[in-house]
C-alpha atoms as a PDB file:
ATOM      1  CA  MET A   1     -55.690 -50.193  33.079  1.00  0.00           C
ATOM      2  CA  GLU A   2     -55.725 -46.243  32.444  1.00  0.00           C
ATOM      3  CA  ALA A   3     -56.750 -46.065  28.659  1.00  0.00           C
ATOM      4  CA  GLU A   4     -59.816 -49.022  29.674  1.00  0.00           C
ATOM      5  CA  ASN A   5     -61.029 -46.220  32.447  1.00  0.00           C
ATOM      6  CA  GLN A   6     -60.620 -43.141  29.797  1.00  0.00           C
ATOM      7  CA  ASN A   7     -63.628 -44.805  27.367  1.00  0.00           C
ATOM      8  CA  VAL A   8     -66.823 -43.675  28.496  1.00  0.00           C
ATOM      9  CA  PRO A   9     -70.170 -45.215  26.910  1.00  0.00           C
ATOM     10  CA  ALA A  10     -71.113 -43.489  24.028  1.00  0.00           C
ATOM     11  CA  THR A  11     -74.784 -43.976  25.068  1.00  0.00           C
ATOM     12  CA  PRO A  12     -76.195 -43.743  28.571  1.00  0.00           C
ATOM     13  CA  SER A  13     -77.212 -46.807  30.136  1.00  0.00           C
ATOM     14  CA  ALA A  14     -81.386 -46.672  30.384  1.00  0.00           C
ATOM     15  CA  GLU A  15     -81.791 -44.849  33.671  1.00  0.00           C
ATOM     16  CA  GLU A  16     -79.165 -42.354  32.830  1.00  0.00           C
ATOM     17  CA  PRO A  17     -80.502 -39.370  30.751  1.00  0.00           C
ATOM     18  CA  ALA A  18     -79.032 -38.707  27.247  1.00  0.00           C
ATOM     19  CA  VAL A  19     -76.302 -36.037  27.335  1.00  0.00           C
ATOM     20  CA  VAL A  20     -77.903 -32.676  25.596  1.00  0.00           C
ATOM     21  CA  PRO A  21     -75.919 -29.562  24.831  1.00  0.00           C
ATOM     22  CA  LEU A  22     -75.834 -26.578  27.102  1.00  0.00           C
ATOM     23  CA  PRO A  23     -76.915 -23.094  26.075  1.00  0.00           C
ATOM     24  CA  PRO A  24     -73.655 -20.844  26.068  1.00  0.00           C
ATOM     25  CA  ALA A  25     -74.210 -18.100  28.337  1.00  0.00           C
ATOM     26  CA  GLY A  26     -72.642 -17.179  31.370  1.00  0.00           C
ATOM     27  CA  ILE A  27     -73.868 -17.970  34.484  1.00  0.00           C
ATOM     28  CA  SER A  28     -73.941 -13.881  35.770  1.00  0.00           C
ATOM     29  CA  LYS A  29     -76.166 -13.262  32.795  1.00  0.00           C
ATOM     30  CA  ILE A  30     -78.670 -15.853  33.678  1.00  0.00           C
ATOM     31  CA  LEU A  31     -78.630 -14.340  37.012  1.00  0.00           C
ATOM     32  CA  GLY A  32     -79.065 -10.614  35.367  1.00  0.00           C
ATOM     33  CA  LEU A  33     -81.953 -12.404  33.596  1.00  0.00           C
ATOM     34  CA  LEU A  34     -83.717 -13.320  36.934  1.00  0.00           C
ATOM     35  CA  GLU A  35     -83.700  -9.750  38.382  1.00  0.00           C
ATOM     36  CA  ILE A  36     -85.113  -8.276  35.201  1.00  0.00           C
ATOM     37  CA  VAL A  37     -87.963 -10.519  34.993  1.00  0.00           C
ATOM     38  CA  ASP A  38     -88.289 -10.125  38.800  1.00  0.00           C
ATOM     39  CA  ASP A  39     -88.355  -6.492  38.457  1.00  0.00           C
ATOM     40  CA  HIS A  40     -91.126  -7.004  35.502  1.00  0.00           C
ATOM     41  CA  GLY A  41     -93.424  -9.056  37.923  1.00  0.00           C
ATOM     42  CA  GLY A  42     -92.092 -12.139  37.305  1.00  0.00           C
ATOM     43  CA  LYS A  43     -93.166 -11.865  33.385  1.00  0.00           C
ATOM     44  CA  GLU A  44     -92.310 -10.207  30.388  1.00  0.00           C
ATOM     45  CA  ASP A  45     -92.489 -10.531  26.712  1.00  0.00           C
ATOM     46  CA  ILE A  46     -89.399 -11.526  25.344  1.00  0.00           C
ATOM     47  CA  TYR A  47     -89.261  -8.922  22.152  1.00  0.00           C
ATOM     48  CA  LYS A  48     -89.900  -6.051  24.836  1.00  0.00           C
ATOM     49  CA  LEU A  49     -87.527  -7.867  26.774  1.00  0.00           C
ATOM     50  CA  ALA A  50     -84.757  -7.285  23.773  1.00  0.00           C
ATOM     51  CA  ARG A  51     -85.617  -3.655  22.892  1.00  0.00           C
ATOM     52  CA  GLU A  52     -85.338  -3.013  26.703  1.00  0.00           C
ATOM     53  CA  LEU A  53     -81.898  -4.385  27.579  1.00  0.00           C
ATOM     54  CA  ARG A  54     -81.156  -3.430  23.727  1.00  0.00           C
ATOM     55  CA  ASP A  55     -79.143  -6.670  23.608  1.00  0.00           C
ATOM     56  CA  SER A  56     -78.887  -9.017  20.397  1.00  0.00           C
ATOM     57  CA  PHE A  57     -81.740 -10.847  19.904  1.00  0.00           C
ATOM     58  CA  GLY A  58     -80.264 -14.259  19.466  1.00  0.00           C
ATOM     59  CA  GLU A  59     -78.010 -13.497  22.558  1.00  0.00           C
ATOM     60  CA  LEU A  60     -81.267 -13.191  24.780  1.00  0.00           C
ATOM     61  CA  ILE A  61     -82.182 -16.360  23.259  1.00  0.00           C
ATOM     62  CA  ILE A  62     -79.352 -18.397  24.262  1.00  0.00           C
ATOM     63  CA  ILE A  63     -79.644 -16.489  28.155  1.00  0.00           C
ATOM     64  CA  ILE A  64     -83.092 -17.346  28.188  1.00  0.00           C
ATOM     65  CA  LYS A  65     -82.222 -20.923  27.334  1.00  0.00           C
ATOM     66  CA  GLY A  66     -79.850 -21.350  30.011  1.00  0.00           C
ATOM     67  CA  ALA A  67     -82.043 -19.905  32.870  1.00  0.00           C
ATOM     68  CA  GLU A  68     -84.725 -22.358  30.939  1.00  0.00           C
ATOM     69  CA  VAL A  69     -82.223 -25.363  31.191  1.00  0.00           C
ATOM     70  CA  LEU A  70     -81.276 -24.868  34.913  1.00  0.00           C
ATOM     71  CA  GLY A  71     -84.890 -24.453  35.917  1.00  0.00           C
ATOM     72  CA  LEU A  72     -85.465 -21.262  37.090  1.00  0.00           C
ATOM     73  CA  VAL A  73     -87.776 -19.191  33.951  1.00  0.00           C
ATOM     74  CA  ASP A  74     -90.261 -21.144  31.688  1.00  0.00           C
ATOM     75  CA  THR A  75     -90.972 -19.359  28.215  1.00  0.00           C
ATOM     76  CA  PRO A  76     -94.681 -20.091  27.615  1.00  0.00           C
ATOM     77  CA  GLY A  77     -96.279 -17.919  24.705  1.00  0.00           C
ATOM     78  CA  GLY A  78     -93.343 -15.796  23.923  1.00  0.00           C
ATOM     79  CA  ASP A  79     -92.903 -14.624  27.602  1.00  0.00           C
ATOM     80  CA  VAL A  80     -90.368 -14.978  29.835  1.00  0.00           C
ATOM     81  CA  VAL A  81     -91.909 -16.204  33.254  1.00  0.00           C
ATOM     82  CA  LEU A  82     -89.742 -16.423  36.458  1.00  0.00           C
ATOM     83  CA  GLU A  83     -90.488 -19.840  38.058  1.00  0.00           C
ATOM     84  CA  PRO A  84     -90.555 -20.177  41.730  1.00  0.00           C
ATOM     85  CA  LEU A  85     -87.069 -21.417  41.692  1.00  0.00           C
ATOM     86  CA  GLY A  86     -85.829 -18.602  39.857  1.00  0.00           C
ATOM     87  CA  LYS A  87     -87.425 -16.409  42.222  1.00  0.00           C
ATOM     88  CA  ARG A  88     -85.960 -18.338  45.112  1.00  0.00           C
ATOM     89  CA  VAL A  89     -82.388 -18.048  43.836  1.00  0.00           C
ATOM     90  CA  ILE A  90     -82.460 -13.957  43.435  1.00  0.00           C
ATOM     91  CA  GLU A  91     -84.025 -13.771  47.385  1.00  0.00           C
ATOM     92  CA  THR A  92     -81.602 -15.976  48.634  1.00  0.00           C
ATOM     93  CA  PRO A  93     -77.698 -14.735  49.880  1.00  0.00           C
ATOM     94  CA  VAL A  94     -74.866 -15.302  47.517  1.00  0.00           C
ATOM     95  CA  ASN A  95     -73.672 -18.660  48.858  1.00  0.00           C
ATOM     96  CA  GLU A  96     -77.425 -20.276  49.361  1.00  0.00           C
ATOM     97  CA  LYS A  97     -78.156 -18.752  45.613  1.00  0.00           C
ATOM     98  CA  LYS A  98     -74.332 -20.552  44.490  1.00  0.00           C
ATOM     99  CA  ARG A  99     -75.581 -23.768  46.057  1.00  0.00           C
ATOM    100  CA  LEU A 100     -79.413 -23.850  44.425  1.00  0.00           C
ATOM    101  CA  ILE A 101     -77.902 -23.152  41.195  1.00  0.00           C
ATOM    102  CA  ALA A 102     -74.573 -25.995  41.805  1.00  0.00           C
ATOM    103  CA  GLU A 103     -77.297 -28.429  42.532  1.00  0.00           C
ATOM    104  CA  ARG A 104     -79.126 -27.927  39.202  1.00  0.00           C
ATOM    105  CA  ILE A 105     -76.198 -27.636  37.186  1.00  0.00           C
ATOM    106  CA  ALA A 106     -74.673 -31.104  38.832  1.00  0.00           C
ATOM    107  CA  GLY A 107     -77.932 -32.839  37.881  1.00  0.00           C
ATOM    108  CA  LEU A 108     -77.799 -31.593  34.159  1.00  0.00           C
ATOM    109  CA  PRO A 109     -76.232 -34.957  31.940  1.00  0.00           C
ATOM    110  CA  LEU A 110     -73.592 -33.275  30.650  1.00  0.00           C
ATOM    111  CA  PHE A 111     -71.911 -33.328  34.117  1.00  0.00           C
ATOM    112  CA  ALA A 112     -72.862 -36.511  34.639  1.00  0.00           C
ATOM    113  CA  HIS A 113     -71.167 -37.210  31.454  1.00  0.00           C
ATOM    114  CA  PHE A 114     -68.046 -35.487  32.268  1.00  0.00           C
ATOM    115  CA  ARG A 115     -67.399 -36.133  35.932  1.00  0.00           C
ATOM    116  CA  ARG A 116     -67.416 -39.801  35.060  1.00  0.00           C
ATOM    117  CA  TYR A 117     -65.586 -39.112  32.478  1.00  0.00           C
ATOM    118  CA  LEU A 118     -62.799 -36.990  34.800  1.00  0.00           C
ATOM    119  CA  ALA A 119     -63.342 -39.706  37.313  1.00  0.00           C
ATOM    120  CA  GLY A 120     -62.031 -42.483  35.298  1.00  0.00           C
ATOM    121  CA  ARG A 121     -58.676 -41.026  34.243  1.00  0.00           C
ATOM    122  CA  GLU A 122     -55.519 -41.170  36.697  1.00  0.00           C
ATOM    123  CA  ASP A 123     -55.210 -37.782  37.351  1.00  0.00           C
ATOM    124  CA  HIS A 124     -58.685 -37.114  37.521  1.00  0.00           C
ATOM    125  CA  ALA A 125     -58.326 -34.621  34.505  1.00  0.00           C
ATOM    126  CA  ALA A 126     -58.349 -33.703  31.025  1.00  0.00           C
ATOM    127  CA  SER A 127     -56.669 -31.413  28.678  1.00  0.00           C
ATOM    128  CA  ARG A 128     -58.555 -28.909  26.435  1.00  0.00           C
ATOM    129  CA  THR A 129     -58.050 -31.059  23.564  1.00  0.00           C
ATOM    130  CA  GLU A 130     -59.364 -34.361  25.212  1.00  0.00           C
ATOM    131  CA  VAL A 131     -62.235 -32.471  26.404  1.00  0.00           C
ATOM    132  CA  LEU A 132     -63.049 -30.383  23.206  1.00  0.00           C
ATOM    133  CA  GLU A 133     -62.743 -34.074  21.192  1.00  0.00           C
ATOM    134  CA  GLU A 134     -64.988 -36.117  24.029  1.00  0.00           C
ATOM    135  CA  ILE A 135     -67.728 -33.270  23.531  1.00  0.00           C
ATOM    136  CA  GLY A 136     -67.215 -33.923  19.395  1.00  0.00           C
ATOM    137  CA  ARG A 137     -67.873 -37.478  20.511  1.00  0.00           C
ATOM    138  CA  ILE A 138     -71.037 -37.471  22.294  1.00  0.00           C
ATOM    139  CA  LEU A 139     -72.342 -34.067  20.943  1.00  0.00           C
ATOM    140  CA  PRO A 140     -71.540 -34.845  16.930  1.00  0.00           C
ATOM    141  CA  THR A 141     -73.935 -32.194  15.864  1.00  0.00           C
ATOM    142  CA  GLU A 142     -72.772 -29.146  18.440  1.00  0.00           C
ATOM    143  CA  ARG A 143     -70.115 -27.192  17.824  1.00  0.00           C
ATOM    144  CA  PRO A 144     -67.530 -28.312  20.634  1.00  0.00           C
ATOM    145  CA  LYS A 145     -66.087 -24.796  21.537  1.00  0.00           C
ATOM    146  CA  PRO A 146     -68.998 -23.241  22.983  1.00  0.00           C
ATOM    147  CA  GLN A 147     -70.083 -26.468  24.872  1.00  0.00           C
ATOM    148  CA  TYR A 148     -66.524 -26.546  26.333  1.00  0.00           C
ATOM    149  CA  ASP A 149     -66.665 -22.849  27.426  1.00  0.00           C
ATOM    150  CA  ALA A 150     -70.426 -23.724  28.612  1.00  0.00           C
ATOM    151  CA  LEU A 151     -69.101 -26.646  30.541  1.00  0.00           C
ATOM    152  CA  VAL A 152     -66.149 -24.924  32.259  1.00  0.00           C
ATOM    153  CA  ASN A 153     -68.399 -21.502  33.056  1.00  0.00           C
ATOM    154  CA  TRP A 154     -70.680 -23.463  35.038  1.00  0.00           C
ATOM    155  CA  GLY A 155     -68.557 -26.396  35.990  1.00  0.00           C
ATOM    156  CA  ARG A 156     -66.589 -24.146  38.059  1.00  0.00           C
ATOM    157  CA  TYR A 157     -69.470 -21.912  38.895  1.00  0.00           C
ATOM    158  CA  ALA A 158     -70.694 -24.943  40.751  1.00  0.00           C
ATOM    159  CA  GLU A 159     -67.561 -26.115  41.971  1.00  0.00           C
ATOM    160  CA  ILE A 160     -67.338 -29.337  39.879  1.00  0.00           C
ATOM    161  CA  PHE A 161     -64.209 -28.744  37.952  1.00  0.00           C
ATOM    162  CA  THR A 162     -61.307 -26.564  38.187  1.00  0.00           C
ATOM    163  CA  TYR A 163     -59.592 -25.041  35.000  1.00  0.00           C
ATOM    164  CA  SER A 164     -56.022 -24.491  35.602  1.00  0.00           C
ATOM    165  CA  ARG A 165     -54.912 -22.172  32.335  1.00  0.00           C
ATOM    166  CA  ASP A 166     -51.214 -23.123  32.831  1.00  0.00           C
ATOM    167  CA  GLU A 167     -52.040 -26.662  32.243  1.00  0.00           C
ATOM    168  CA  ASP A 168     -54.601 -26.106  30.089  1.00  0.00           C
ATOM    169  CA  LYS A 169     -56.606 -29.284  32.057  1.00  0.00           C
ATOM    170  CA  LEU A 170     -59.995 -29.420  33.396  1.00  0.00           C
ATOM    171  CA  ARG A 171     -59.898 -31.329  36.597  1.00  0.00           C
ATOM    172  CA  LEU A 172     -62.252 -32.876  38.629  1.00  0.00           C
ATOM    173  CA  VAL A 173     -62.969 -31.056  42.053  1.00  0.00           C
ATOM    174  CA  LYS A 174     -64.078 -34.196  44.174  1.00  0.00           C
ATOM    175  CA  PRO A 175     -63.473 -37.653  42.282  1.00  0.00           C
ATOM    176  CA  LEU A 176     -66.424 -40.117  41.996  1.00  0.00           C
ATOM    177  CA  ALA A 177     -66.546 -42.355  45.391  1.00  0.00           C
END
């Protein structure tokens, strides 16, 4: 029975969106970006932002993509524009901010996939190796390690997963009903 539950379909059903990769940006960097864009009146040219931050352009793009995936910013015509949800996130108290972002994270297809994947396991957990293999299977054109790091970082922030370094396991916080 356990082996059957561990196999998650490779393709989503008609009502499930395809699993897409996560930008490997930390949530704290995404929140920092929101603050900076807000300080610039809610809109700033990406190149000017990169010069001001003295960060690598590639790193900034990854952070912007992370904010975009979460629906916190938009990037029309080379600008970073704070979306209403992004503005709301930076104006709310910490617990509300965390709840808003957690809701967005929980709705992403990669998290839905791994919630089902872990829910189908006897102890609702998988080793790093097993998760990396599953990422390689469902996102064959992506490097698994950055996806794993983003999955753990974002999933822990949203309290979807816990990660135990001692056991080297990713565990589902609340098993699916």
